[in-house]
Amino acid sequence: VTPWVGEVVNAQLDKLNLDVSILKRLWLHQANAKMNSLIATKLLGRRPTEAEMPLVLDEFANTSSAGSVLAMHRHKNIEQGDYALLCAFGAGYSLGSAILQAR
């Protein structure tokens, strides 16, 4: 699923004429910290900071697709106009991803 997330997100960014560097937060599916780190590193071209890719696994464990929304709720401290990624997936067979802008 990790390469697929990168392909989908990059296609979304291309369609919106945005560069990945514009993303201030990556609220990713909270199934596995290593998987999230791999996805974020592939997207950003570097290791993400804790602020860029917040995790809630230590607090809630694996909550499946709801984990990305929990991460967004717990770590939504972005400025007006900032962009973020909300992304969840299921067993490698389904993927939901949205580029969001804070208003």
PDB file of N, CA and C in Angstrom:
ATOM      1  N   VAL A   1       0.813  -1.200   0.000  1.00  0.00           N
ATOM      2  CA  VAL A   1       0.000   0.000   0.000  1.00  0.00           C
ATOM      3  C   VAL A   1       0.862   1.271   0.000  1.00  0.00           C
ATOM      4  N   THR A   2       2.074   1.193   0.523  1.00  0.00           N
ATOM      5  CA  THR A   2       2.879   2.418   0.621  1.00  0.00           C
ATOM      6  C   THR A   2       3.186   3.060  -0.734  1.00  0.00           C
ATOM      7  N   PRO A   3       3.552   2.301  -1.771  1.00  0.00           N
ATOM      8  CA  PRO A   3       3.769   2.965  -3.066  1.00  0.00           C
ATOM      9  C   PRO A   3       2.472   3.547  -3.629  1.00  0.00           C
ATOM     10  N   TRP A   4       1.382   2.849  -3.409  1.00  0.00           N
ATOM     11  CA  TRP A   4       0.079   3.287  -3.926  1.00  0.00           C
ATOM     12  C   TRP A   4      -0.336   4.622  -3.311  1.00  0.00           C
ATOM     13  N   VAL A   5      -0.141   4.783  -2.003  1.00  0.00           N
ATOM     14  CA  VAL A   5      -0.476   6.054  -1.353  1.00  0.00           C
ATOM     15  C   VAL A   5       0.304   7.181  -2.001  1.00  0.00           C
ATOM     16  N   GLY A   6       1.592   6.972  -2.215  1.00  0.00           N
ATOM     17  CA  GLY A   6       2.415   8.002  -2.861  1.00  0.00           C
ATOM     18  C   GLY A   6       1.903   8.363  -4.242  1.00  0.00           C
ATOM     19  N   GLU A   7       1.534   7.367  -5.028  1.00  0.00           N
ATOM     20  CA  GLU A   7       1.014   7.619  -6.375  1.00  0.00           C
ATOM     21  C   GLU A   7      -0.275   8.426  -6.327  1.00  0.00           C
ATOM     22  N   VAL A   8      -1.193   8.038  -5.456  1.00  0.00           N
ATOM     23  CA  VAL A   8      -2.486   8.727  -5.358  1.00  0.00           C
ATOM     24  C   VAL A   8      -2.304  10.160  -4.889  1.00  0.00           C
ATOM     25  N   VAL A   9      -1.514  10.347  -3.843  1.00  0.00           N
ATOM     26  CA  VAL A   9      -1.310  11.700  -3.301  1.00  0.00           C
ATOM     27  C   VAL A   9      -0.598  12.589  -4.318  1.00  0.00           C
ATOM     28  N   ASN A  10       0.431  12.055  -4.969  1.00  0.00           N
ATOM     29  CA  ASN A  10       1.128  12.859  -5.983  1.00  0.00           C
ATOM     30  C   ASN A  10       0.201  13.224  -7.141  1.00  0.00           C
ATOM     31  N   ALA A  11      -0.674  12.316  -7.540  1.00  0.00           N
ATOM     32  CA  ALA A  11      -1.647  12.631  -8.599  1.00  0.00           C
ATOM     33  C   ALA A  11      -2.609  13.723  -8.144  1.00  0.00           C
ATOM     34  N   GLN A  12      -3.043  13.653  -6.883  1.00  0.00           N
ATOM     35  CA  GLN A  12      -3.917  14.707  -6.352  1.00  0.00           C
ATOM     36  C   GLN A  12      -3.210  16.055  -6.354  1.00  0.00           C
ATOM     37  N   LEU A  13      -1.981  16.068  -5.886  1.00  0.00           N
ATOM     38  CA  LEU A  13      -1.218  17.317  -5.855  1.00  0.00           C
ATOM     39  C   LEU A  13      -1.011  17.871  -7.259  1.00  0.00           C
ATOM     40  N   ASP A  14      -0.682  17.005  -8.213  1.00  0.00           N
ATOM     41  CA  ASP A  14      -0.509  17.439  -9.604  1.00  0.00           C
ATOM     42  C   ASP A  14      -1.794  18.058 -10.143  1.00  0.00           C
ATOM     43  N   LYS A  15      -2.913  17.413  -9.878  1.00  0.00           N
ATOM     44  CA  LYS A  15      -4.200  17.923 -10.353  1.00  0.00           C
ATOM     45  C   LYS A  15      -4.509  19.300  -9.773  1.00  0.00           C
ATOM     46  N   LEU A  16      -4.056  19.544  -8.554  1.00  0.00           N
ATOM     47  CA  LEU A  16      -4.288  20.829  -7.890  1.00  0.00           C
ATOM     48  C   LEU A  16      -3.157  21.830  -8.141  1.00  0.00           C
ATOM     49  N   ASN A  17      -2.158  21.423  -8.926  1.00  0.00           N
ATOM     50  CA  ASN A  17      -0.980  22.255  -9.196  1.00  0.00           C
ATOM     51  C   ASN A  17      -0.273  22.679  -7.912  1.00  0.00           C
ATOM     52  N   LEU A  18      -0.128  21.723  -6.987  1.00  0.00           N
ATOM     53  CA  LEU A  18       0.546  21.965  -5.715  1.00  0.00           C
ATOM     54  C   LEU A  18       1.764  21.069  -5.614  1.00  0.00           C
ATOM     55  N   ASP A  19       2.781  21.547  -4.925  1.00  0.00           N
ATOM     56  CA  ASP A  19       3.967  20.750  -4.645  1.00  0.00           C
ATOM     57  C   ASP A  19       3.805  20.103  -3.280  1.00  0.00           C
ATOM     58  N   VAL A  20       4.365  18.932  -3.094  1.00  0.00           N
ATOM     59  CA  VAL A  20       4.248  18.210  -1.836  1.00  0.00           C
ATOM     60  C   VAL A  20       4.784  19.034  -0.665  1.00  0.00           C
ATOM     61  N   SER A  21       5.712  19.931  -0.924  1.00  0.00           N
ATOM     62  CA  SER A  21       6.302  20.737   0.149  1.00  0.00           C
ATOM     63  C   SER A  21       5.280  21.660   0.810  1.00  0.00           C
ATOM     64  N   ILE A  22       4.132  21.844   0.193  1.00  0.00           N
ATOM     65  CA  ILE A  22       3.093  22.712   0.750  1.00  0.00           C
ATOM     66  C   ILE A  22       2.347  22.052   1.906  1.00  0.00           C
ATOM     67  N   LEU A  23       2.452  20.729   2.027  1.00  0.00           N
ATOM     68  CA  LEU A  23       1.722  19.996   3.070  1.00  0.00           C
ATOM     69  C   LEU A  23       2.358  20.230   4.442  1.00  0.00           C
ATOM     70  N   LYS A  24       1.590  20.796   5.354  1.00  0.00           N
ATOM     71  CA  LYS A  24       2.077  21.064   6.718  1.00  0.00           C
ATOM     72  C   LYS A  24       1.834  19.885   7.651  1.00  0.00           C
ATOM     73  N   ARG A  25       0.804  19.091   7.371  1.00  0.00           N
ATOM     74  CA  ARG A  25       0.484  17.928   8.194  1.00  0.00           C
ATOM     75  C   ARG A  25       0.140  16.749   7.297  1.00  0.00           C
ATOM     76  N   LEU A  26       0.538  15.585   7.743  1.00  0.00           N
ATOM     77  CA  LEU A  26       0.176  14.331   7.095  1.00  0.00           C
ATOM     78  C   LEU A  26      -0.563  13.513   8.141  1.00  0.00           C
ATOM     79  N   TRP A  27      -1.880  13.536   8.089  1.00  0.00           N
ATOM     80  CA  TRP A  27      -2.697  12.744   9.009  1.00  0.00           C
ATOM     81  C   TRP A  27      -2.962  11.416   8.317  1.00  0.00           C
ATOM     82  N   LEU A  28      -2.151  10.435   8.653  1.00  0.00           N
ATOM     83  CA  LEU A  28      -2.175   9.156   7.968  1.00  0.00           C
ATOM     84  C   LEU A  28      -2.866   8.084   8.804  1.00  0.00           C
ATOM     85  N   HIS A  29      -3.334   7.065   8.120  1.00  0.00           N
ATOM     86  CA  HIS A  29      -3.900   5.861   8.721  1.00  0.00           C
ATOM     87  C   HIS A  29      -2.984   5.409   9.855  1.00  0.00           C
ATOM     88  N   GLN A  30      -3.526   5.166  11.010  1.00  0.00           N
ATOM     89  CA  GLN A  30      -2.713   4.884  12.192  1.00  0.00           C
ATOM     90  C   GLN A  30      -2.599   3.388  12.487  1.00  0.00           C
ATOM     91  N   ALA A  31      -2.188   2.619  11.513  1.00  0.00           N
ATOM     92  CA  ALA A  31      -2.047   1.179  11.717  1.00  0.00           C
ATOM     93  C   ALA A  31      -0.637   0.805  12.155  1.00  0.00           C
ATOM     94  N   ASN A  32       0.351   1.531  11.656  1.00  0.00           N
ATOM     95  CA  ASN A  32       1.722   1.115  11.862  1.00  0.00           C
ATOM     96  C   ASN A  32       2.637   2.332  11.712  1.00  0.00           C
ATOM     97  N   ALA A  33       3.398   2.658  12.744  1.00  0.00           N
ATOM     98  CA  ALA A  33       4.263   3.834  12.734  1.00  0.00           C
ATOM     99  C   ALA A  33       5.336   3.741  11.646  1.00  0.00           C
ATOM    100  N   LYS A  34       5.890   2.552  11.448  1.00  0.00           N
ATOM    101  CA  LYS A  34       6.931   2.394  10.423  1.00  0.00           C
ATOM    102  C   LYS A  34       6.358   2.602   9.021  1.00  0.00           C
ATOM    103  N   MET A  35       5.152   2.102   8.794  1.00  0.00           N
ATOM    104  CA  MET A  35       4.513   2.294   7.495  1.00  0.00           C
ATOM    105  C   MET A  35       4.240   3.780   7.258  1.00  0.00           C
ATOM    106  N   ASN A  36       3.747   4.475   8.274  1.00  0.00           N
ATOM    107  CA  ASN A  36       3.493   5.905   8.134  1.00  0.00           C
ATOM    108  C   ASN A  36       4.779   6.665   7.846  1.00  0.00           C
ATOM    109  N   SER A  37       5.834   6.304   8.544  1.00  0.00           N
ATOM    110  CA  SER A  37       7.116   6.961   8.320  1.00  0.00           C
ATOM    111  C   SER A  37       7.612   6.720   6.896  1.00  0.00           C
ATOM    112  N   LEU A  38       7.453   5.501   6.399  1.00  0.00           N
ATOM    113  CA  LEU A  38       7.859   5.180   5.029  1.00  0.00           C
ATOM    114  C   LEU A  38       7.043   5.993   4.017  1.00  0.00           C
ATOM    115  N   ILE A  39       5.723   6.055   4.211  1.00  0.00           N
ATOM    116  CA  ILE A  39       4.865   6.832   3.312  1.00  0.00           C
ATOM    117  C   ILE A  39       5.279   8.300   3.322  1.00  0.00           C
ATOM    118  N   ALA A  40       5.425   8.858   4.510  1.00  0.00           N
ATOM    119  CA  ALA A  40       5.776  10.275   4.626  1.00  0.00           C
ATOM    120  C   ALA A  40       7.153  10.567   4.043  1.00  0.00           C
ATOM    121  N   THR A  41       8.108   9.680   4.289  1.00  0.00           N
ATOM    122  CA  THR A  41       9.459   9.869   3.756  1.00  0.00           C
ATOM    123  C   THR A  41       9.455   9.821   2.235  1.00  0.00           C
ATOM    124  N   LYS A  42       8.708   8.893   1.665  1.00  0.00           N
ATOM    125  CA  LYS A  42       8.621   8.811   0.205  1.00  0.00           C
ATOM    126  C   LYS A  42       7.944  10.051  -0.372  1.00  0.00           C
ATOM    127  N   LEU A  43       6.911  10.544   0.301  1.00  0.00           N
ATOM    128  CA  LEU A  43       6.212  11.733  -0.194  1.00  0.00           C
ATOM    129  C   LEU A  43       7.086  12.975  -0.090  1.00  0.00           C
ATOM    130  N   LEU A  44       7.667  13.190   1.090  1.00  0.00           N
ATOM    131  CA  LEU A  44       8.409  14.420   1.351  1.00  0.00           C
ATOM    132  C   LEU A  44       9.843  14.397   0.826  1.00  0.00           C
ATOM    133  N   GLY A  45      10.371  13.199   0.580  1.00  0.00           N
ATOM    134  CA  GLY A  45      11.759  13.090   0.146  1.00  0.00           C
ATOM    135  C   GLY A  45      12.736  13.231   1.304  1.00  0.00           C
ATOM    136  N   ARG A  46      12.224  13.116   2.522  1.00  0.00           N
ATOM    137  CA  ARG A  46      13.026  13.209   3.747  1.00  0.00           C
ATOM    138  C   ARG A  46      12.175  12.658   4.884  1.00  0.00           C
ATOM    139  N   ARG A  47      12.819  12.426   6.022  1.00  0.00           N
ATOM    140  CA  ARG A  47      12.061  11.957   7.192  1.00  0.00           C
ATOM    141  C   ARG A  47      11.159  13.081   7.699  1.00  0.00           C
ATOM    142  N   PRO A  48       9.927  12.784   8.023  1.00  0.00           N
ATOM    143  CA  PRO A  48       9.024  13.820   8.539  1.00  0.00           C
ATOM    144  C   PRO A  48       9.323  14.134   9.998  1.00  0.00           C
ATOM    145  N   THR A  49       8.987  15.346  10.398  1.00  0.00           N
ATOM    146  CA  THR A  49       9.072  15.687  11.810  1.00  0.00           C
ATOM    147  C   THR A  49       7.828  15.145  12.515  1.00  0.00           C
ATOM    148  N   GLU A  50       7.864  15.101  13.842  1.00  0.00           N
ATOM    149  CA  GLU A  50       6.692  14.655  14.599  1.00  0.00           C
ATOM    150  C   GLU A  50       5.507  15.577  14.359  1.00  0.00           C
ATOM    151  N   ALA A  51       5.773  16.867  14.202  1.00  0.00           N
ATOM    152  CA  ALA A  51       4.689  17.821  13.955  1.00  0.00           C
ATOM    153  C   ALA A  51       4.062  17.597  12.583  1.00  0.00           C
ATOM    154  N   GLU A  52       4.865  17.255  11.592  1.00  0.00           N
ATOM    155  CA  GLU A  52       4.346  17.034  10.240  1.00  0.00           C
ATOM    156  C   GLU A  52       3.523  15.756  10.146  1.00  0.00           C
ATOM    157  N   MET A  53       3.944  14.715  10.855  1.00  0.00           N
ATOM    158  CA  MET A  53       3.275  13.421  10.783  1.00  0.00           C
ATOM    159  C   MET A  53       2.942  12.952  12.198  1.00  0.00           C
ATOM    160  N   PRO A  54       1.905  13.531  12.795  1.00  0.00           N
ATOM    161  CA  PRO A  54       1.566  13.140  14.168  1.00  0.00           C
ATOM    162  C   PRO A  54       1.034  11.714  14.240  1.00  0.00           C
ATOM    163  N   LEU A  55       1.403  11.050  15.313  1.00  0.00           N
ATOM    164  CA  LEU A  55       0.923   9.693  15.570  1.00  0.00           C
ATOM    165  C   LEU A  55       0.054   9.678  16.824  1.00  0.00           C
ATOM    166  N   VAL A  56      -0.964   8.859  16.805  1.00  0.00           N
ATOM    167  CA  VAL A  56      -1.809   8.660  17.985  1.00  0.00           C
ATOM    168  C   VAL A  56      -1.842   7.180  18.378  1.00  0.00           C
ATOM    169  N   LEU A  57      -0.965   6.401  17.785  1.00  0.00           N
ATOM    170  CA  LEU A  57      -0.904   4.967  18.083  1.00  0.00           C
ATOM    171  C   LEU A  57      -0.627   4.696  19.553  1.00  0.00           C
ATOM    172  N   ASP A  58       0.224   5.504  20.169  1.00  0.00           N
ATOM    173  CA  ASP A  58       0.566   5.284  21.568  1.00  0.00           C
ATOM    174  C   ASP A  58      -0.629   5.524  22.489  1.00  0.00           C
ATOM    175  N   GLU A  59      -1.556   6.350  22.042  1.00  0.00           N
ATOM    176  CA  GLU A  59      -2.728   6.673  22.847  1.00  0.00           C
ATOM    177  C   GLU A  59      -3.926   5.772  22.544  1.00  0.00           C
ATOM    178  N   PHE A  60      -4.135   5.455  21.255  1.00  0.00           N
ATOM    179  CA  PHE A  60      -5.334   4.727  20.839  1.00  0.00           C
ATOM    180  C   PHE A  60      -5.065   3.356  20.227  1.00  0.00           C
ATOM    181  N   ALA A  61      -3.819   3.024  19.961  1.00  0.00           N
ATOM    182  CA  ALA A  61      -3.439   1.802  19.248  1.00  0.00           C
ATOM    183  C   ALA A  61      -3.977   1.859  17.813  1.00  0.00           C
ATOM    184  N   ASN A  62      -4.128   0.716  17.175  1.00  0.00           N
ATOM    185  CA  ASN A  62      -4.588   0.666  15.786  1.00  0.00           C
ATOM    186  C   ASN A  62      -6.113   0.794  15.766  1.00  0.00           C
ATOM    187  N   THR A  63      -6.588   1.940  15.323  1.00  0.00           N
ATOM    188  CA  THR A  63      -8.036   2.179  15.238  1.00  0.00           C
ATOM    189  C   THR A  63      -8.512   2.108  13.798  1.00  0.00           C
ATOM    190  N   SER A  64      -7.726   1.447  12.960  1.00  0.00           N
ATOM    191  CA  SER A  64      -8.061   1.293  11.553  1.00  0.00           C
ATOM    192  C   SER A  64      -8.169   2.660  10.887  1.00  0.00           C
ATOM    193  N   SER A  65      -9.083   2.804   9.951  1.00  0.00           N
ATOM    194  CA  SER A  65      -9.175   4.046   9.175  1.00  0.00           C
ATOM    195  C   SER A  65      -9.523   5.265  10.027  1.00  0.00           C
ATOM    196  N   ALA A  66     -10.138   5.043  11.182  1.00  0.00           N
ATOM    197  CA  ALA A  66     -10.488   6.164  12.066  1.00  0.00           C
ATOM    198  C   ALA A  66      -9.246   6.846  12.630  1.00  0.00           C
ATOM    199  N   GLY A  67      -8.118   6.169  12.618  1.00  0.00           N
ATOM    200  CA  GLY A  67      -6.892   6.725  13.182  1.00  0.00           C
ATOM    201  C   GLY A  67      -6.448   8.018  12.533  1.00  0.00           C
ATOM    202  N   SER A  68      -6.614   8.141  11.229  1.00  0.00           N
ATOM    203  CA  SER A  68      -6.201   9.385  10.566  1.00  0.00           C
ATOM    204  C   SER A  68      -7.064  10.555  11.030  1.00  0.00           C
ATOM    205  N   VAL A  69      -8.344  10.301  11.262  1.00  0.00           N
ATOM    206  CA  VAL A  69      -9.241  11.357  11.751  1.00  0.00           C
ATOM    207  C   VAL A  69      -8.915  11.690  13.204  1.00  0.00           C
ATOM    208  N   LEU A  70      -8.591  10.683  14.009  1.00  0.00           N
ATOM    209  CA  LEU A  70      -8.163  10.941  15.381  1.00  0.00           C
ATOM    210  C   LEU A  70      -6.883  11.777  15.403  1.00  0.00           C
ATOM    211  N   ALA A  71      -5.941  11.457  14.531  1.00  0.00           N
ATOM    212  CA  ALA A  71      -4.700  12.237  14.449  1.00  0.00           C
ATOM    213  C   ALA A  71      -5.008  13.677  14.053  1.00  0.00           C
ATOM    214  N   MET A  72      -5.925  13.860  13.114  1.00  0.00           N
ATOM    215  CA  MET A  72      -6.303  15.206  12.699  1.00  0.00           C
ATOM    216  C   MET A  72      -6.935  15.955  13.872  1.00  0.00           C
ATOM    217  N   HIS A  73      -7.829  15.299  14.586  1.00  0.00           N
ATOM    218  CA  HIS A  73      -8.510  15.941  15.710  1.00  0.00           C
ATOM    219  C   HIS A  73      -7.520  16.332  16.815  1.00  0.00           C
ATOM    220  N   ARG A  74      -6.585  15.443  17.119  1.00  0.00           N
ATOM    221  CA  ARG A  74      -5.625  15.690  18.203  1.00  0.00           C
ATOM    222  C   ARG A  74      -4.518  16.661  17.816  1.00  0.00           C
ATOM    223  N   HIS A  75      -4.224  16.757  16.527  1.00  0.00           N
ATOM    224  CA  HIS A  75      -3.086  17.558  16.059  1.00  0.00           C
ATOM    225  C   HIS A  75      -3.503  18.430  14.883  1.00  0.00           C
ATOM    226  N   LYS A  76      -4.498  19.262  15.096  1.00  0.00           N
ATOM    227  CA  LYS A  76      -5.009  20.097  14.010  1.00  0.00           C
ATOM    228  C   LYS A  76      -4.454  21.508  14.054  1.00  0.00           C
ATOM    229  N   ASN A  77      -3.398  21.704  14.772  1.00  0.00           N
ATOM    230  CA  ASN A  77      -2.820  23.030  14.937  1.00  0.00           C
ATOM    231  C   ASN A  77      -2.080  23.491  13.673  1.00  0.00           C
ATOM    232  N   ILE A  78      -2.862  23.901  12.686  1.00  0.00           N
ATOM    233  CA  ILE A  78      -2.307  24.484  11.473  1.00  0.00           C
ATOM    234  C   ILE A  78      -2.927  25.860  11.280  1.00  0.00           C
ATOM    235  N   GLU A  79      -2.258  26.667  10.507  1.00  0.00           N
ATOM    236  CA  GLU A  79      -2.684  28.043  10.278  1.00  0.00           C
ATOM    237  C   GLU A  79      -3.681  28.121   9.124  1.00  0.00           C
ATOM    238  N   GLN A  80      -4.460  29.182   9.122  1.00  0.00           N
ATOM    239  CA  GLN A  80      -5.382  29.423   8.013  1.00  0.00           C
ATOM    240  C   GLN A  80      -4.587  29.465   6.705  1.00  0.00           C
ATOM    241  N   GLY A  81      -5.085  28.749   5.721  1.00  0.00           N
ATOM    242  CA  GLY A  81      -4.414  28.685   4.422  1.00  0.00           C
ATOM    243  C   GLY A  81      -3.458  27.511   4.267  1.00  0.00           C
ATOM    244  N   ASP A  82      -3.060  26.898   5.384  1.00  0.00           N
ATOM    245  CA  ASP A  82      -2.161  25.742   5.320  1.00  0.00           C
ATOM    246  C   ASP A  82      -2.864  24.551   4.676  1.00  0.00           C
ATOM    247  N   TYR A  83      -2.058  23.697   4.042  1.00  0.00           N
ATOM    248  CA  TYR A  83      -2.561  22.474   3.426  1.00  0.00           C
ATOM    249  C   TYR A  83      -2.141  21.267   4.254  1.00  0.00           C
ATOM    250  N   ALA A  84      -2.970  20.244   4.214  1.00  0.00           N
ATOM    251  CA  ALA A  84      -2.687  19.000   4.921  1.00  0.00           C
ATOM    252  C   ALA A  84      -3.248  17.834   4.123  1.00  0.00           C
ATOM    253  N   LEU A  85      -2.760  16.650   4.449  1.00  0.00           N
ATOM    254  CA  LEU A  85      -3.212  15.419   3.823  1.00  0.00           C
ATOM    255  C   LEU A  85      -3.935  14.573   4.858  1.00  0.00           C
ATOM    256  N   LEU A  86      -5.117  14.112   4.525  1.00  0.00           N
ATOM    257  CA  LEU A  86      -5.870  13.151   5.336  1.00  0.00           C
ATOM    258  C   LEU A  86      -5.965  11.880   4.499  1.00  0.00           C
ATOM    259  N   CYS A  87      -5.443  10.774   5.020  1.00  0.00           N
ATOM    260  CA  CYS A  87      -5.372   9.567   4.207  1.00  0.00           C
ATOM    261  C   CYS A  87      -5.567   8.313   5.058  1.00  0.00           C
ATOM    262  N   ALA A  88      -6.417   7.423   4.575  1.00  0.00           N
ATOM    263  CA  ALA A  88      -6.644   6.136   5.225  1.00  0.00           C
ATOM    264  C   ALA A  88      -6.777   5.065   4.149  1.00  0.00           C
ATOM    265  N   PHE A  89      -6.512   3.839   4.551  1.00  0.00           N
ATOM    266  CA  PHE A  89      -6.577   2.736   3.591  1.00  0.00           C
ATOM    267  C   PHE A  89      -7.008   1.471   4.308  1.00  0.00           C
ATOM    268  N   GLY A  90      -7.453   0.513   3.538  1.00  0.00           N
ATOM    269  CA  GLY A  90      -7.928  -0.729   4.124  1.00  0.00           C
ATOM    270  C   GLY A  90      -7.304  -1.939   3.468  1.00  0.00           C
ATOM    271  N   ALA A  91      -6.465  -2.631   4.211  1.00  0.00           N
ATOM    272  CA  ALA A  91      -5.858  -3.900   3.800  1.00  0.00           C
ATOM    273  C   ALA A  91      -5.219  -3.852   2.412  1.00  0.00           C
ATOM    274  N   GLY A  92      -4.839  -2.681   1.968  1.00  0.00           N
ATOM    275  CA  GLY A  92      -4.197  -2.564   0.669  1.00  0.00           C
ATOM    276  C   GLY A  92      -5.144  -2.607  -0.502  1.00  0.00           C
ATOM    277  N   TYR A  93      -6.455  -2.676  -0.234  1.00  0.00           N
ATOM    278  CA  TYR A  93      -7.440  -2.805  -1.303  1.00  0.00           C
ATOM    279  C   TYR A  93      -8.277  -1.551  -1.517  1.00  0.00           C
ATOM    280  N   SER A  94      -8.278  -0.659  -0.548  1.00  0.00           N
ATOM    281  CA  SER A  94      -9.032   0.587  -0.685  1.00  0.00           C
ATOM    282  C   SER A  94      -8.196   1.727  -0.114  1.00  0.00           C
ATOM    283  N   LEU A  95      -8.425   2.912  -0.646  1.00  0.00           N
ATOM    284  CA  LEU A  95      -7.646   4.075  -0.242  1.00  0.00           C
ATOM    285  C   LEU A  95      -8.522   5.311  -0.345  1.00  0.00           C
ATOM    286  N   GLY A  96      -8.518   6.094   0.702  1.00  0.00           N
ATOM    287  CA  GLY A  96      -9.197   7.376   0.690  1.00  0.00           C
ATOM    288  C   GLY A  96      -8.194   8.444   1.046  1.00  0.00           C
ATOM    289  N   SER A  97      -8.149   9.508   0.242  1.00  0.00           N
ATOM    290  CA  SER A  97      -7.148  10.546   0.450  1.00  0.00           C
ATOM    291  C   SER A  97      -7.729  11.883   0.048  1.00  0.00           C
ATOM    292  N   ALA A  98      -7.461  12.900   0.871  1.00  0.00           N
ATOM    293  CA  ALA A  98      -7.957  14.243   0.564  1.00  0.00           C
ATOM    294  C   ALA A  98      -6.874  15.268   0.921  1.00  0.00           C
ATOM    295  N   ILE A  99      -6.695  16.224   0.039  1.00  0.00           N
ATOM    296  CA  ILE A  99      -5.838  17.371   0.331  1.00  0.00           C
ATOM    297  C   ILE A  99      -6.775  18.437   0.898  1.00  0.00           C
ATOM    298  N   LEU A 100      -6.496  18.873   2.102  1.00  0.00           N
ATOM    299  CA  LEU A 100      -7.346  19.837   2.798  1.00  0.00           C
ATOM    300  C   LEU A 100      -6.623  21.164   2.976  1.00  0.00           C
ATOM    301  N   GLN A 101      -7.389  22.253   2.974  1.00  0.00           N
ATOM    302  CA  GLN A 101      -6.823  23.572   3.255  1.00  0.00           C
ATOM    303  C   GLN A 101      -7.587  24.175   4.426  1.00  0.00           C
ATOM    304  N   ALA A 102      -6.844  24.626   5.438  1.00  0.00           N
ATOM    305  CA  ALA A 102      -7.463  25.203   6.638  1.00  0.00           C
ATOM    306  C   ALA A 102      -8.091  26.546   6.311  1.00  0.00           C
ATOM    307  N   ARG A 103      -9.274  26.732   6.810  1.00  0.00           N
ATOM    308  CA  ARG A 103     -10.021  27.999   6.622  1.00  0.00           C
ATOM    309  C   ARG A 103     -10.291  28.631   7.942  1.00  0.00           C
TER     310      ARG A 103
END
